[in-house]
Amino acid sequence: MIRQNGFSISREQLVYNCKSLKDKGSKSLDVIIGRLRSKIGDDSKNPEHIHSVRGIGYKLVG
């Protein structure tokens, strides 16, 4: 996500590049994103840094 700063990255790309994840349909990615948000102090209801892009994946801003 850091390399794609400002651009959306698909769930499939994130799963493919993460060695600990195997299934793109799994909710494990959502849990990991939630933990990242809490560590950087980003609110999931009003995100400043990690935005969910419906139907695509996620976008890192900032």
PDB file of N, CA and C in Angstrom:
ATOM      1  N   MET A   1       0.816  -1.184   0.000  1.00  0.00           N
ATOM      2  CA  MET A   1       0.000   0.000   0.000  1.00  0.00           C
ATOM      3  C   MET A   1       0.869   1.261   0.000  1.00  0.00           C
ATOM      4  N   ILE A   2       2.014   1.175   0.603  1.00  0.00           N
ATOM      5  CA  ILE A   2       2.897   2.336   0.656  1.00  0.00           C
ATOM      6  C   ILE A   2       3.381   2.697  -0.747  1.00  0.00           C
ATOM      7  N   ARG A   3       3.706   1.705  -1.547  1.00  0.00           N
ATOM      8  CA  ARG A   3       4.173   1.968  -2.915  1.00  0.00           C
ATOM      9  C   ARG A   3       3.071   2.557  -3.788  1.00  0.00           C
ATOM     10  N   GLN A   4       1.830   2.234  -3.467  1.00  0.00           N
ATOM     11  CA  GLN A   4       0.681   2.703  -4.244  1.00  0.00           C
ATOM     12  C   GLN A   4       0.000   3.894  -3.570  1.00  0.00           C
ATOM     13  N   ASN A   5       0.721   4.680  -2.795  1.00  0.00           N
ATOM     14  CA  ASN A   5       0.162   5.785  -2.018  1.00  0.00           C
ATOM     15  C   ASN A   5      -0.717   6.680  -2.885  1.00  0.00           C
ATOM     16  N   GLY A   6      -1.972   6.845  -2.457  1.00  0.00           N
ATOM     17  CA  GLY A   6      -2.911   7.678  -3.198  1.00  0.00           C
ATOM     18  C   GLY A   6      -3.714   6.927  -4.232  1.00  0.00           C
ATOM     19  N   PHE A   7      -3.352   5.683  -4.519  1.00  0.00           N
ATOM     20  CA  PHE A   7      -4.065   4.869  -5.495  1.00  0.00           C
ATOM     21  C   PHE A   7      -4.654   3.652  -4.811  1.00  0.00           C
ATOM     22  N   SER A   8      -5.742   3.159  -5.351  1.00  0.00           N
ATOM     23  CA  SER A   8      -6.390   1.968  -4.793  1.00  0.00           C
ATOM     24  C   SER A   8      -5.582   0.729  -5.111  1.00  0.00           C
ATOM     25  N   ILE A   9      -5.619  -0.209  -4.180  1.00  0.00           N
ATOM     26  CA  ILE A   9      -4.979  -1.505  -4.397  1.00  0.00           C
ATOM     27  C   ILE A   9      -6.024  -2.570  -4.093  1.00  0.00           C
ATOM     28  N   SER A  10      -6.130  -3.544  -4.975  1.00  0.00           N
ATOM     29  CA  SER A  10      -7.179  -4.547  -4.837  1.00  0.00           C
ATOM     30  C   SER A  10      -6.872  -5.527  -3.704  1.00  0.00           C
ATOM     31  N   ARG A  11      -7.928  -6.146  -3.225  1.00  0.00           N
ATOM     32  CA  ARG A  11      -7.785  -7.166  -2.181  1.00  0.00           C
ATOM     33  C   ARG A  11      -6.900  -8.298  -2.695  1.00  0.00           C
ATOM     34  N   GLU A  12      -7.083  -8.648  -3.967  1.00  0.00           N
ATOM     35  CA  GLU A  12      -6.305  -9.732  -4.555  1.00  0.00           C
ATOM     36  C   GLU A  12      -4.813  -9.416  -4.532  1.00  0.00           C
ATOM     37  N   GLN A  13      -4.448  -8.175  -4.845  1.00  0.00           N
ATOM     38  CA  GLN A  13      -3.039  -7.778  -4.824  1.00  0.00           C
ATOM     39  C   GLN A  13      -2.483  -7.842  -3.409  1.00  0.00           C
ATOM     40  N   LEU A  14      -3.263  -7.390  -2.439  1.00  0.00           N
ATOM     41  CA  LEU A  14      -2.810  -7.428  -1.047  1.00  0.00           C
ATOM     42  C   LEU A  14      -2.604  -8.865  -0.574  1.00  0.00           C
ATOM     43  N   VAL A  15      -3.563  -9.737  -0.885  1.00  0.00           N
ATOM     44  CA  VAL A  15      -3.451 -11.147  -0.482  1.00  0.00           C
ATOM     45  C   VAL A  15      -2.267 -11.802  -1.181  1.00  0.00           C
ATOM     46  N   TYR A  16      -2.097 -11.515  -2.468  1.00  0.00           N
ATOM     47  CA  TYR A  16      -0.996 -12.107  -3.226  1.00  0.00           C
ATOM     48  C   TYR A  16       0.364 -11.701  -2.652  1.00  0.00           C
ATOM     49  N   ASN A  17       0.489 -10.460  -2.217  1.00  0.00           N
ATOM     50  CA  ASN A  17       1.756  -9.950  -1.706  1.00  0.00           C
ATOM     51  C   ASN A  17       1.986 -10.210  -0.229  1.00  0.00           C
ATOM     52  N   CYS A  18       0.999 -10.784   0.439  1.00  0.00           N
ATOM     53  CA  CYS A  18       1.133 -11.093   1.864  1.00  0.00           C
ATOM     54  C   CYS A  18       1.283 -12.606   2.015  1.00  0.00           C
ATOM     55  N   LYS A  19       2.426 -13.046   2.473  1.00  0.00           N
ATOM     56  CA  LYS A  19       2.721 -14.475   2.552  1.00  0.00           C
ATOM     57  C   LYS A  19       1.852 -15.220   3.558  1.00  0.00           C
ATOM     58  N   SER A  20       1.342 -14.519   4.573  1.00  0.00           N
ATOM     59  CA  SER A  20       0.561 -15.195   5.608  1.00  0.00           C
ATOM     60  C   SER A  20      -0.906 -15.377   5.212  1.00  0.00           C
ATOM     61  N   LEU A  21      -1.363 -14.737   4.151  1.00  0.00           N
ATOM     62  CA  LEU A  21      -2.745 -14.878   3.695  1.00  0.00           C
ATOM     63  C   LEU A  21      -2.800 -15.805   2.484  1.00  0.00           C
ATOM     64  N   LYS A  22      -3.814 -16.643   2.454  1.00  0.00           N
ATOM     65  CA  LYS A  22      -3.944 -17.593   1.350  1.00  0.00           C
ATOM     66  C   LYS A  22      -5.207 -17.364   0.523  1.00  0.00           C
ATOM     67  N   ASP A  23      -6.312 -16.992   1.179  1.00  0.00           N
ATOM     68  CA  ASP A  23      -7.605 -16.915   0.520  1.00  0.00           C
ATOM     69  C   ASP A  23      -8.057 -15.469   0.376  1.00  0.00           C
ATOM     70  N   LYS A  24      -8.310 -15.027  -0.849  1.00  0.00           N
ATOM     71  CA  LYS A  24      -8.697 -13.642  -1.070  1.00  0.00           C
ATOM     72  C   LYS A  24     -10.096 -13.339  -0.541  1.00  0.00           C
ATOM     73  N   GLY A  25     -10.921 -14.342  -0.355  1.00  0.00           N
ATOM     74  CA  GLY A  25     -12.274 -14.150   0.154  1.00  0.00           C
ATOM     75  C   GLY A  25     -12.337 -14.138   1.667  1.00  0.00           C
ATOM     76  N   SER A  26     -11.239 -14.421   2.292  1.00  0.00           N
ATOM     77  CA  SER A  26     -11.193 -14.493   3.749  1.00  0.00           C
ATOM     78  C   SER A  26     -11.326 -13.113   4.375  1.00  0.00           C
ATOM     79  N   LYS A  27     -11.857 -13.079   5.576  1.00  0.00           N
ATOM     80  CA  LYS A  27     -11.977 -11.826   6.323  1.00  0.00           C
ATOM     81  C   LYS A  27     -10.688 -11.496   7.071  1.00  0.00           C
ATOM     82  N   SER A  28      -9.665 -12.319   6.942  1.00  0.00           N
ATOM     83  CA  SER A  28      -8.391 -12.074   7.621  1.00  0.00           C
ATOM     84  C   SER A  28      -7.790 -10.738   7.200  1.00  0.00           C
ATOM     85  N   LEU A  29      -7.921 -10.388   5.947  1.00  0.00           N
ATOM     86  CA  LEU A  29      -7.396  -9.120   5.460  1.00  0.00           C
ATOM     87  C   LEU A  29      -8.095  -7.954   6.153  1.00  0.00           C
ATOM     88  N   ASP A  30      -9.404  -8.063   6.339  1.00  0.00           N
ATOM     89  CA  ASP A  30     -10.154  -7.009   7.017  1.00  0.00           C
ATOM     90  C   ASP A  30      -9.689  -6.849   8.461  1.00  0.00           C
ATOM     91  N   VAL A  31      -9.395  -7.964   9.118  1.00  0.00           N
ATOM     92  CA  VAL A  31      -8.898  -7.925  10.492  1.00  0.00           C
ATOM     93  C   VAL A  31      -7.535  -7.242  10.535  1.00  0.00           C
ATOM     94  N   ILE A  32      -6.660  -7.575   9.601  1.00  0.00           N
ATOM     95  CA  ILE A  32      -5.322  -6.974   9.544  1.00  0.00           C
ATOM     96  C   ILE A  32      -5.427  -5.468   9.296  1.00  0.00           C
ATOM     97  N   ILE A  33      -6.291  -5.056   8.370  1.00  0.00           N
ATOM     98  CA  ILE A  33      -6.488  -3.634   8.092  1.00  0.00           C
ATOM     99  C   ILE A  33      -7.033  -2.927   9.334  1.00  0.00           C
ATOM    100  N   GLY A  34      -7.965  -3.565  10.027  1.00  0.00           N
ATOM    101  CA  GLY A  34      -8.503  -2.993  11.256  1.00  0.00           C
ATOM    102  C   GLY A  34      -7.433  -2.797  12.317  1.00  0.00           C
ATOM    103  N   ARG A  35      -6.542  -3.760  12.452  1.00  0.00           N
ATOM    104  CA  ARG A  35      -5.447  -3.644  13.416  1.00  0.00           C
ATOM    105  C   ARG A  35      -4.462  -2.545  13.016  1.00  0.00           C
ATOM    106  N   LEU A  36      -4.182  -2.436  11.720  1.00  0.00           N
ATOM    107  CA  LEU A  36      -3.315  -1.351  11.243  1.00  0.00           C
ATOM    108  C   LEU A  36      -3.928   0.009  11.556  1.00  0.00           C
ATOM    109  N   ARG A  37      -5.229   0.125  11.303  1.00  0.00           N
ATOM    110  CA  ARG A  37      -5.915   1.385  11.593  1.00  0.00           C
ATOM    111  C   ARG A  37      -5.824   1.746  13.071  1.00  0.00           C
ATOM    112  N   SER A  38      -6.022   0.767  13.938  1.00  0.00           N
ATOM    113  CA  SER A  38      -5.970   1.067  15.373  1.00  0.00           C
ATOM    114  C   SER A  38      -4.555   1.449  15.813  1.00  0.00           C
ATOM    115  N   LYS A  39      -3.545   0.843  15.206  1.00  0.00           N
ATOM    116  CA  LYS A  39      -2.157   1.159  15.571  1.00  0.00           C
ATOM    117  C   LYS A  39      -1.750   2.568  15.142  1.00  0.00           C
ATOM    118  N   ILE A  40      -2.290   3.033  14.010  1.00  0.00           N
ATOM    119  CA  ILE A  40      -1.930   4.378  13.562  1.00  0.00           C
ATOM    120  C   ILE A  40      -2.952   5.425  14.012  1.00  0.00           C
ATOM    121  N   GLY A  41      -3.953   4.987  14.783  1.00  0.00           N
ATOM    122  CA  GLY A  41      -4.944   5.921  15.311  1.00  0.00           C
ATOM    123  C   GLY A  41      -5.963   6.373  14.288  1.00  0.00           C
ATOM    124  N   ASP A  42      -6.221   5.537  13.294  1.00  0.00           N
ATOM    125  CA  ASP A  42      -7.182   5.852  12.232  1.00  0.00           C
ATOM    126  C   ASP A  42      -8.540   5.269  12.610  1.00  0.00           C
ATOM    127  N   ASP A  43      -9.591   6.054  12.514  1.00  0.00           N
ATOM    128  CA  ASP A  43     -10.943   5.612  12.841  1.00  0.00           C
ATOM    129  C   ASP A  43     -11.574   4.955  11.616  1.00  0.00           C
ATOM    130  N   SER A  44     -12.125   3.762  11.765  1.00  0.00           N
ATOM    131  CA  SER A  44     -12.701   3.056  10.620  1.00  0.00           C
ATOM    132  C   SER A  44     -13.958   3.738  10.101  1.00  0.00           C
ATOM    133  N   LYS A  45     -14.668   4.473  10.944  1.00  0.00           N
ATOM    134  CA  LYS A  45     -15.871   5.192  10.518  1.00  0.00           C
ATOM    135  C   LYS A  45     -15.528   6.484   9.767  1.00  0.00           C
ATOM    136  N   ASN A  46     -14.436   7.110  10.133  1.00  0.00           N
ATOM    137  CA  ASN A  46     -13.974   8.354   9.523  1.00  0.00           C
ATOM    138  C   ASN A  46     -12.476   8.272   9.256  1.00  0.00           C
ATOM    139  N   PRO A  47     -12.046   7.415   8.334  1.00  0.00           N
ATOM    140  CA  PRO A  47     -10.602   7.204   8.140  1.00  0.00           C
ATOM    141  C   PRO A  47      -9.896   8.403   7.518  1.00  0.00           C
ATOM    142  N   GLU A  48      -8.696   8.645   7.998  1.00  0.00           N
ATOM    143  CA  GLU A  48      -7.855   9.695   7.418  1.00  0.00           C
ATOM    144  C   GLU A  48      -6.764   9.106   6.536  1.00  0.00           C
ATOM    145  N   HIS A  49      -6.307   7.903   6.871  1.00  0.00           N
ATOM    146  CA  HIS A  49      -5.145   7.332   6.190  1.00  0.00           C
ATOM    147  C   HIS A  49      -5.458   6.103   5.338  1.00  0.00           C
ATOM    148  N   ILE A  50      -6.222   5.158   5.859  1.00  0.00           N
ATOM    149  CA  ILE A  50      -6.536   3.935   5.105  1.00  0.00           C
ATOM    150  C   ILE A  50      -8.028   3.954   4.767  1.00  0.00           C
ATOM    151  N   HIS A  51      -8.326   4.150   3.482  1.00  0.00           N
ATOM    152  CA  HIS A  51      -9.706   4.220   3.018  1.00  0.00           C
ATOM    153  C   HIS A  51     -10.106   2.891   2.381  1.00  0.00           C
ATOM    154  N   SER A  52     -11.321   2.445   2.671  1.00  0.00           N
ATOM    155  CA  SER A  52     -11.888   1.285   1.999  1.00  0.00           C
ATOM    156  C   SER A  52     -12.514   1.765   0.700  1.00  0.00           C
ATOM    157  N   VAL A  53     -12.203   1.078  -0.386  1.00  0.00           N
ATOM    158  CA  VAL A  53     -12.781   1.414  -1.688  1.00  0.00           C
ATOM    159  C   VAL A  53     -13.699   0.257  -2.055  1.00  0.00           C
ATOM    160  N   ARG A  54     -14.987   0.519  -1.982  1.00  0.00           N
ATOM    161  CA  ARG A  54     -15.988  -0.540  -2.165  1.00  0.00           C
ATOM    162  C   ARG A  54     -15.824  -1.220  -3.528  1.00  0.00           C
ATOM    163  N   GLY A  55     -15.789  -2.547  -3.478  1.00  0.00           N
ATOM    164  CA  GLY A  55     -15.677  -3.339  -4.698  1.00  0.00           C
ATOM    165  C   GLY A  55     -14.265  -3.450  -5.243  1.00  0.00           C
ATOM    166  N   ILE A  56     -13.321  -2.729  -4.649  1.00  0.00           N
ATOM    167  CA  ILE A  56     -11.944  -2.761  -5.155  1.00  0.00           C
ATOM    168  C   ILE A  56     -10.985  -3.255  -4.084  1.00  0.00           C
ATOM    169  N   GLY A  57     -10.830  -2.489  -3.016  1.00  0.00           N
ATOM    170  CA  GLY A  57      -9.890  -2.862  -1.982  1.00  0.00           C
ATOM    171  C   GLY A  57      -9.656  -1.714  -1.014  1.00  0.00           C
ATOM    172  N   TYR A  58      -8.425  -1.239  -0.943  1.00  0.00           N
ATOM    173  CA  TYR A  58      -8.055  -0.200   0.002  1.00  0.00           C
ATOM    174  C   TYR A  58      -7.149   0.830  -0.661  1.00  0.00           C
ATOM    175  N   LYS A  59      -7.107   2.015  -0.032  1.00  0.00           N
ATOM    176  CA  LYS A  59      -6.250   3.090  -0.529  1.00  0.00           C
ATOM    177  C   LYS A  59      -5.593   3.759   0.665  1.00  0.00           C
ATOM    178  N   LEU A  60      -4.276   3.949   0.585  1.00  0.00           N
ATOM    179  CA  LEU A  60      -3.517   4.646   1.610  1.00  0.00           C
ATOM    180  C   LEU A  60      -3.380   6.104   1.188  1.00  0.00           C
ATOM    181  N   VAL A  61      -3.757   7.006   2.080  1.00  0.00           N
ATOM    182  CA  VAL A  61      -3.693   8.439   1.794  1.00  0.00           C
ATOM    183  C   VAL A  61      -2.836   9.094   2.860  1.00  0.00           C
ATOM    184  N   GLY A  62      -1.969   9.957   2.440  1.00  0.00           N
ATOM    185  CA  GLY A  62      -1.170  10.698   3.428  1.00  0.00           C
ATOM    186  C   GLY A  62       0.231  10.398   3.290  1.00  0.00           C
TER     187      GLY A  62
END
